[in-house]
Amino acid sequence: MGSTLRPVILALLGSGLAIFLRWRWTAAWAGPRCPAVALRRGPRRCVPQAALLQRVDGEIRFQVRFQPGAVGMIAVWSTGEVVTVLPNGMAAREGVQEGWFFDEIDGKPYSEDIFKEYSHGGQDYEVTFKQAWHAGPAEIVSLPGKRAHHVLWQRPQELSETLEQELEALQQDVDKDCQTELDGAMRQLRWGQRCRAVGELLYLMVCDRLLNSG
């Protein structure tokens, strides 16, 4: 990462590191590139047996069939991560689980544009999901952290560049806030969210070093 980080980002790094050190570690480090449990804890819905497809490169795939229209989920569409499955929606009925990732749509590698094409189309389509992978035991909740985590999973050689881009974007957000009148509570909330994001980016940097050293 570059050496031109500005003072505000350095302050975020310090606050983020403090949050990172306060996290409670509840499991051993995951092995290199291993599948792991879903990102969100809590009761898990039963997955229809027909949805279990096969193991590919050690990862389990799940296949479901969607109809055009709203699928009933909130996702990080840029990475394909399912964040929330809405009750009584199409995804819930098909047994989709929070923490899964889109893998293929009708045999094509997932992308946000391909998903939009099929979900707004006129025919049913098959979606293949894969289980989440964890770099380590801590939960990633911020959007910058989720994006960087996906890069570490799928394209680890690009992680350093991604971390620098995410930190620069956080710096730009701070600059915008400095030019905007915000009450004390909102400013504190935004600062806390960015500290959490920076802490997660630092965490992923450490995870990458540990995975590469093992």
C-alpha atoms as a PDB file:
ATOM      1  CA  MET A   1       0.000   0.000   0.000  1.00  0.00           C
ATOM      2  CA  GLY A   2       1.147   3.494  -0.702  1.00  0.00           C
ATOM      3  CA  SER A   3       2.849   5.776   1.766  1.00  0.00           C
ATOM      4  CA  THR A   4       0.698   8.834   1.008  1.00  0.00           C
ATOM      5  CA  LEU A   5      -2.134   8.181   3.430  1.00  0.00           C
ATOM      6  CA  ARG A   6      -3.547  11.451   4.712  1.00  0.00           C
ATOM      7  CA  PRO A   7      -3.876  12.312   8.429  1.00  0.00           C
ATOM      8  CA  VAL A   8      -7.612  11.598   8.602  1.00  0.00           C
ATOM      9  CA  ILE A   9      -7.097   8.102   7.204  1.00  0.00           C
ATOM     10  CA  LEU A  10      -4.263   7.557   9.679  1.00  0.00           C
ATOM     11  CA  ALA A  11      -6.681   8.511  12.455  1.00  0.00           C
ATOM     12  CA  LEU A  12      -9.221   6.068  11.032  1.00  0.00           C
ATOM     13  CA  LEU A  13      -6.536   3.401  10.935  1.00  0.00           C
ATOM     14  CA  GLY A  14      -5.772   3.966  14.598  1.00  0.00           C
ATOM     15  CA  SER A  15      -9.432   3.877  15.627  1.00  0.00           C
ATOM     16  CA  GLY A  16     -10.099   0.916  13.375  1.00  0.00           C
ATOM     17  CA  LEU A  17      -7.174  -0.974  14.861  1.00  0.00           C
ATOM     18  CA  ALA A  18      -8.563  -0.367  18.350  1.00  0.00           C
ATOM     19  CA  ILE A  19     -11.902  -1.836  17.277  1.00  0.00           C
ATOM     20  CA  PHE A  20     -10.118  -4.733  15.622  1.00  0.00           C
ATOM     21  CA  LEU A  21      -8.230  -5.552  18.814  1.00  0.00           C
ATOM     22  CA  ARG A  22     -11.476  -5.508  20.820  1.00  0.00           C
ATOM     23  CA  TRP A  23     -13.153  -8.115  18.692  1.00  0.00           C
ATOM     24  CA  ARG A  24     -13.720 -11.388  20.510  1.00  0.00           C
ATOM     25  CA  TRP A  25     -12.146 -14.318  18.732  1.00  0.00           C
ATOM     26  CA  THR A  26     -14.410 -17.366  18.963  1.00  0.00           C
ATOM     27  CA  ALA A  27     -12.727 -19.891  16.658  1.00  0.00           C
ATOM     28  CA  ALA A  28      -9.350 -20.909  15.336  1.00  0.00           C
ATOM     29  CA  TRP A  29      -8.066 -19.416  12.123  1.00  0.00           C
ATOM     30  CA  ALA A  30      -9.622 -20.979   9.050  1.00  0.00           C
ATOM     31  CA  GLY A  31      -7.314 -22.933   6.792  1.00  0.00           C
ATOM     32  CA  PRO A  32      -6.139 -21.508   3.481  1.00  0.00           C
ATOM     33  CA  ARG A  33      -9.029 -20.851   1.096  1.00  0.00           C
ATOM     34  CA  CYS A  34     -11.437 -23.059   3.036  1.00  0.00           C
ATOM     35  CA  PRO A  35     -15.245 -22.898   2.902  1.00  0.00           C
ATOM     36  CA  ALA A  36     -16.867 -21.674   6.102  1.00  0.00           C
ATOM     37  CA  VAL A  37     -20.193 -21.013   7.709  1.00  0.00           C
ATOM     38  CA  ALA A  38     -22.585 -18.277   6.626  1.00  0.00           C
ATOM     39  CA  LEU A  39     -21.740 -14.719   7.619  1.00  0.00           C
ATOM     40  CA  ARG A  40     -24.841 -14.206   9.751  1.00  0.00           C
ATOM     41  CA  ARG A  41     -25.542 -16.260  12.833  1.00  0.00           C
ATOM     42  CA  GLY A  42     -28.934 -17.502  13.954  1.00  0.00           C
ATOM     43  CA  PRO A  43     -31.468 -20.154  12.975  1.00  0.00           C
ATOM     44  CA  ARG A  44     -30.924 -21.603   9.525  1.00  0.00           C
ATOM     45  CA  ARG A  45     -33.737 -22.523   7.199  1.00  0.00           C
ATOM     46  CA  CYS A  46     -34.011 -26.027   5.797  1.00  0.00           C
ATOM     47  CA  VAL A  47     -32.516 -26.266   2.320  1.00  0.00           C
ATOM     48  CA  PRO A  48     -34.548 -28.325  -0.159  1.00  0.00           C
ATOM     49  CA  GLN A  49     -32.678 -31.568  -0.861  1.00  0.00           C
ATOM     50  CA  ALA A  50     -32.992 -30.995  -4.604  1.00  0.00           C
ATOM     51  CA  ALA A  51     -31.041 -27.760  -4.242  1.00  0.00           C
ATOM     52  CA  LEU A  52     -27.826 -29.566  -3.247  1.00  0.00           C
ATOM     53  CA  LEU A  53     -25.936 -29.865  -6.503  1.00  0.00           C
ATOM     54  CA  GLN A  54     -22.404 -31.161  -6.020  1.00  0.00           C
ATOM     55  CA  ARG A  55     -18.973 -30.409  -4.688  1.00  0.00           C
ATOM     56  CA  VAL A  56     -16.784 -28.415  -7.056  1.00  0.00           C
ATOM     57  CA  ASP A  57     -13.139 -27.895  -6.074  1.00  0.00           C
ATOM     58  CA  GLY A  58     -14.068 -28.778  -2.504  1.00  0.00           C
ATOM     59  CA  GLU A  59     -16.966 -26.293  -2.409  1.00  0.00           C
ATOM     60  CA  ILE A  60     -20.635 -27.241  -2.203  1.00  0.00           C
ATOM     61  CA  ARG A  61     -22.924 -25.775  -4.855  1.00  0.00           C
ATOM     62  CA  PHE A  62     -26.690 -25.282  -4.503  1.00  0.00           C
ATOM     63  CA  GLN A  63     -28.983 -24.930  -7.498  1.00  0.00           C
ATOM     64  CA  VAL A  64     -32.420 -23.297  -7.395  1.00  0.00           C
ATOM     65  CA  ARG A  65     -34.905 -22.122  -9.995  1.00  0.00           C
ATOM     66  CA  PHE A  66     -36.137 -18.534 -10.025  1.00  0.00           C
ATOM     67  CA  GLN A  67     -38.945 -16.860 -11.907  1.00  0.00           C
ATOM     68  CA  PRO A  68     -38.616 -13.367 -13.416  1.00  0.00           C
ATOM     69  CA  GLY A  69     -39.301 -10.591 -10.951  1.00  0.00           C
ATOM     70  CA  ALA A  70     -38.220  -9.755  -7.418  1.00  0.00           C
ATOM     71  CA  VAL A  71     -36.267 -12.614  -5.859  1.00  0.00           C
ATOM     72  CA  GLY A  72     -36.907 -11.534  -2.274  1.00  0.00           C
ATOM     73  CA  MET A  73     -33.405 -10.879  -1.001  1.00  0.00           C
ATOM     74  CA  ILE A  74     -30.965  -8.098  -0.205  1.00  0.00           C
ATOM     75  CA  ALA A  75     -27.526  -8.711  -1.645  1.00  0.00           C
ATOM     76  CA  VAL A  76     -24.204  -7.044  -2.345  1.00  0.00           C
ATOM     77  CA  TRP A  77     -24.871  -7.290  -6.052  1.00  0.00           C
ATOM     78  CA  SER A  78     -21.329  -6.338  -7.066  1.00  0.00           C
ATOM     79  CA  THR A  79     -19.974  -9.490  -5.376  1.00  0.00           C
ATOM     80  CA  GLY A  80     -23.117 -11.654  -5.381  1.00  0.00           C
ATOM     81  CA  GLU A  81     -23.263 -12.081  -1.596  1.00  0.00           C
ATOM     82  CA  VAL A  82     -26.714 -12.770  -0.139  1.00  0.00           C
ATOM     83  CA  VAL A  83     -27.023 -10.515   2.923  1.00  0.00           C
ATOM     84  CA  THR A  84     -30.704 -10.893   3.861  1.00  0.00           C
ATOM     85  CA  VAL A  85     -33.368 -13.357   2.696  1.00  0.00           C
ATOM     86  CA  LEU A  86     -36.784 -11.738   2.998  1.00  0.00           C
ATOM     87  CA  PRO A  87     -39.573 -13.824   4.577  1.00  0.00           C
ATOM     88  CA  ASN A  88     -42.094 -15.359   2.153  1.00  0.00           C
ATOM     89  CA  GLY A  89     -40.070 -14.254  -0.867  1.00  0.00           C
ATOM     90  CA  MET A  90     -38.960 -16.386  -3.777  1.00  0.00           C
ATOM     91  CA  ALA A  91     -35.471 -16.916  -2.353  1.00  0.00           C
ATOM     92  CA  ALA A  92     -36.879 -18.009   1.024  1.00  0.00           C
ATOM     93  CA  ARG A  93     -39.216 -20.513  -0.638  1.00  0.00           C
ATOM     94  CA  GLU A  94     -36.306 -21.990  -2.573  1.00  0.00           C
ATOM     95  CA  GLY A  95     -34.185 -22.335   0.577  1.00  0.00           C
ATOM     96  CA  VAL A  96     -31.564 -19.698  -0.262  1.00  0.00           C
ATOM     97  CA  GLN A  97     -29.459 -18.863   2.794  1.00  0.00           C
ATOM     98  CA  GLU A  98     -27.812 -15.677   4.000  1.00  0.00           C
ATOM     99  CA  GLY A  99     -24.093 -15.821   3.381  1.00  0.00           C
ATOM    100  CA  TRP A 100     -24.358 -17.720   0.109  1.00  0.00           C
ATOM    101  CA  PHE A 101     -22.839 -16.260  -3.049  1.00  0.00           C
ATOM    102  CA  PHE A 102     -24.202 -16.282  -6.593  1.00  0.00           C
ATOM    103  CA  ASP A 103     -21.959 -18.492  -8.729  1.00  0.00           C
ATOM    104  CA  GLU A 104     -23.723 -19.053 -12.061  1.00  0.00           C
ATOM    105  CA  ILE A 105     -26.954 -18.045 -13.779  1.00  0.00           C
ATOM    106  CA  ASP A 106     -28.137 -20.560 -16.379  1.00  0.00           C
ATOM    107  CA  GLY A 107     -24.555 -21.803 -16.652  1.00  0.00           C
ATOM    108  CA  LYS A 108     -23.035 -18.327 -17.100  1.00  0.00           C
ATOM    109  CA  PRO A 109     -20.608 -16.911 -14.499  1.00  0.00           C
ATOM    110  CA  TYR A 110     -22.469 -14.520 -12.225  1.00  0.00           C
ATOM    111  CA  SER A 111     -22.368 -10.796 -12.824  1.00  0.00           C
ATOM    112  CA  GLU A 112     -24.761  -8.059 -11.771  1.00  0.00           C
ATOM    113  CA  ASP A 113     -25.661  -7.333 -15.394  1.00  0.00           C
ATOM    114  CA  ILE A 114     -26.440 -10.980 -16.172  1.00  0.00           C
ATOM    115  CA  PHE A 115     -28.640 -11.224 -13.083  1.00  0.00           C
ATOM    116  CA  LYS A 116     -30.587  -8.113 -14.117  1.00  0.00           C
ATOM    117  CA  GLU A 117     -31.026  -9.531 -17.636  1.00  0.00           C
ATOM    118  CA  TYR A 118     -32.559 -12.779 -16.366  1.00  0.00           C
ATOM    119  CA  SER A 119     -34.582 -11.322 -13.481  1.00  0.00           C
ATOM    120  CA  HIS A 120     -36.212  -8.864 -15.906  1.00  0.00           C
ATOM    121  CA  GLY A 121     -36.650 -11.466 -18.620  1.00  0.00           C
ATOM    122  CA  GLY A 122     -39.642 -13.588 -19.549  1.00  0.00           C
ATOM    123  CA  GLN A 123     -38.497 -17.104 -18.615  1.00  0.00           C
ATOM    124  CA  ASP A 124     -37.538 -19.059 -15.520  1.00  0.00           C
ATOM    125  CA  TYR A 125     -33.816 -19.453 -14.924  1.00  0.00           C
ATOM    126  CA  GLU A 126     -31.500 -21.576 -12.807  1.00  0.00           C
ATOM    127  CA  VAL A 127     -29.150 -20.033 -10.272  1.00  0.00           C
ATOM    128  CA  THR A 128     -26.200 -21.835  -8.727  1.00  0.00           C
ATOM    129  CA  PHE A 129     -24.991 -20.614  -5.335  1.00  0.00           C
ATOM    130  CA  LYS A 130     -21.838 -21.459  -3.406  1.00  0.00           C
ATOM    131  CA  GLN A 131     -21.232 -21.307   0.315  1.00  0.00           C
ATOM    132  CA  ALA A 132     -19.382 -18.436   1.890  1.00  0.00           C
ATOM    133  CA  TRP A 133     -15.677 -18.544   2.566  1.00  0.00           C
ATOM    134  CA  HIS A 134     -14.126 -16.868   5.621  1.00  0.00           C
ATOM    135  CA  ALA A 135     -10.600 -15.554   5.848  1.00  0.00           C
ATOM    136  CA  GLY A 136     -10.826 -16.012   9.631  1.00  0.00           C
ATOM    137  CA  PRO A 137     -13.326 -16.123  12.492  1.00  0.00           C
ATOM    138  CA  ALA A 138     -14.377 -12.454  12.655  1.00  0.00           C
ATOM    139  CA  GLU A 139     -17.573 -11.286  10.958  1.00  0.00           C
ATOM    140  CA  ILE A 140     -17.293  -8.758   8.119  1.00  0.00           C
ATOM    141  CA  VAL A 141     -20.249  -6.337   8.089  1.00  0.00           C
ATOM    142  CA  SER A 142     -19.161  -3.126   6.316  1.00  0.00           C
ATOM    143  CA  LEU A 143     -19.554  -2.773   2.560  1.00  0.00           C
ATOM    144  CA  PRO A 144     -15.847  -1.886   2.023  1.00  0.00           C
ATOM    145  CA  GLY A 145     -14.925  -4.928   4.119  1.00  0.00           C
ATOM    146  CA  LYS A 146     -17.260  -7.208   2.153  1.00  0.00           C
ATOM    147  CA  ARG A 147     -15.829  -6.024  -1.165  1.00  0.00           C
ATOM    148  CA  ALA A 148     -12.246  -6.542   0.015  1.00  0.00           C
ATOM    149  CA  HIS A 149     -13.128  -9.915   1.528  1.00  0.00           C
ATOM    150  CA  HIS A 150     -14.502 -11.053  -1.817  1.00  0.00           C
ATOM    151  CA  VAL A 151     -11.295  -9.962  -3.554  1.00  0.00           C
ATOM    152  CA  LEU A 152      -9.204 -11.868  -0.996  1.00  0.00           C
ATOM    153  CA  TRP A 153     -11.325 -14.947  -1.687  1.00  0.00           C
ATOM    154  CA  GLN A 154     -11.455 -14.779  -5.479  1.00  0.00           C
ATOM    155  CA  ARG A 155      -8.477 -12.636  -6.560  1.00  0.00           C
ATOM    156  CA  PRO A 156      -6.025 -12.447  -3.642  1.00  0.00           C
ATOM    157  CA  GLN A 157      -3.298 -10.968  -5.843  1.00  0.00           C
ATOM    158  CA  GLU A 158      -5.437  -7.822  -6.170  1.00  0.00           C
ATOM    159  CA  LEU A 159      -5.998  -7.326  -2.439  1.00  0.00           C
ATOM    160  CA  SER A 160      -3.328  -4.659  -1.883  1.00  0.00           C
ATOM    161  CA  GLU A 161      -4.713  -2.468  -4.660  1.00  0.00           C
ATOM    162  CA  THR A 162      -8.275  -2.995  -3.428  1.00  0.00           C
ATOM    163  CA  LEU A 163      -7.371  -2.013   0.139  1.00  0.00           C
ATOM    164  CA  GLU A 164      -5.778   1.193  -1.078  1.00  0.00           C
ATOM    165  CA  GLN A 165      -8.828   2.026  -3.209  1.00  0.00           C
ATOM    166  CA  GLU A 166     -11.210   1.403  -0.313  1.00  0.00           C
ATOM    167  CA  LEU A 167      -9.146   3.558   2.062  1.00  0.00           C
ATOM    168  CA  GLU A 168      -9.033   6.367  -0.481  1.00  0.00           C
ATOM    169  CA  ALA A 169     -12.815   6.142  -0.882  1.00  0.00           C
ATOM    170  CA  LEU A 170     -13.214   6.388   2.898  1.00  0.00           C
ATOM    171  CA  GLN A 171     -10.979   9.470   2.880  1.00  0.00           C
ATOM    172  CA  GLN A 172     -13.191  11.073   0.228  1.00  0.00           C
ATOM    173  CA  ASP A 173     -16.276  10.329   2.335  1.00  0.00           C
ATOM    174  CA  VAL A 174     -14.649  12.021   5.325  1.00  0.00           C
ATOM    175  CA  ASP A 175     -13.786  15.049   3.185  1.00  0.00           C
ATOM    176  CA  LYS A 176     -17.424  15.322   2.075  1.00  0.00           C
ATOM    177  CA  ASP A 177     -18.612  15.140   5.673  1.00  0.00           C
ATOM    178  CA  CYS A 178     -16.235  17.942   6.615  1.00  0.00           C
ATOM    179  CA  GLN A 179     -17.957  20.145   4.017  1.00  0.00           C
ATOM    180  CA  THR A 180     -21.453  19.166   5.190  1.00  0.00           C
ATOM    181  CA  GLU A 181     -23.244  20.344   8.300  1.00  0.00           C
ATOM    182  CA  LEU A 182     -24.014  17.263  10.393  1.00  0.00           C
ATOM    183  CA  ASP A 183     -25.240  17.129  13.972  1.00  0.00           C
ATOM    184  CA  GLY A 184     -22.955  15.580  16.565  1.00  0.00           C
ATOM    185  CA  ALA A 185     -24.772  12.251  16.761  1.00  0.00           C
ATOM    186  CA  MET A 186     -24.745  11.709  12.982  1.00  0.00           C
ATOM    187  CA  ARG A 187     -21.102  12.691  12.690  1.00  0.00           C
ATOM    188  CA  GLN A 188     -20.205  10.275  15.484  1.00  0.00           C
ATOM    189  CA  LEU A 189     -22.239   7.497  13.844  1.00  0.00           C
ATOM    190  CA  ARG A 190     -20.538   7.982  10.502  1.00  0.00           C
ATOM    191  CA  TRP A 191     -17.111   8.067  12.149  1.00  0.00           C
ATOM    192  CA  GLY A 192     -17.868   4.832  13.980  1.00  0.00           C
ATOM    193  CA  GLN A 193     -18.988   3.121  10.775  1.00  0.00           C
ATOM    194  CA  ARG A 194     -15.818   4.176   8.991  1.00  0.00           C
ATOM    195  CA  CYS A 195     -13.633   3.087  11.888  1.00  0.00           C
ATOM    196  CA  ARG A 196     -15.303  -0.317  11.719  1.00  0.00           C
ATOM    197  CA  ALA A 197     -14.693  -0.472   7.963  1.00  0.00           C
ATOM    198  CA  VAL A 198     -11.022   0.443   8.375  1.00  0.00           C
ATOM    199  CA  GLY A 199     -10.682  -2.136  11.159  1.00  0.00           C
ATOM    200  CA  GLU A 200     -12.072  -4.793   8.844  1.00  0.00           C
ATOM    201  CA  LEU A 201      -9.703  -3.784   6.049  1.00  0.00           C
ATOM    202  CA  LEU A 202      -6.781  -4.094   8.473  1.00  0.00           C
ATOM    203  CA  TYR A 203      -8.125  -7.462   9.608  1.00  0.00           C
ATOM    204  CA  LEU A 204      -8.203  -8.711   6.012  1.00  0.00           C
ATOM    205  CA  MET A 205      -4.657  -7.477   5.480  1.00  0.00           C
ATOM    206  CA  VAL A 206      -3.550  -9.544   8.489  1.00  0.00           C
ATOM    207  CA  CYS A 207      -5.557 -12.544   7.279  1.00  0.00           C
ATOM    208  CA  ASP A 208      -3.843 -12.366   3.909  1.00  0.00           C
ATOM    209  CA  ARG A 209      -0.406 -12.318   5.533  1.00  0.00           C
ATOM    210  CA  LEU A 210      -1.285 -15.309   7.755  1.00  0.00           C
ATOM    211  CA  LEU A 211      -2.763 -17.317   4.901  1.00  0.00           C
ATOM    212  CA  ASN A 212       0.294 -16.680   2.744  1.00  0.00           C
ATOM    213  CA  SER A 213       2.708 -17.536   5.561  1.00  0.00           C
ATOM    214  CA  GLY A 214       1.019 -20.870   6.271  1.00  0.00           C
END
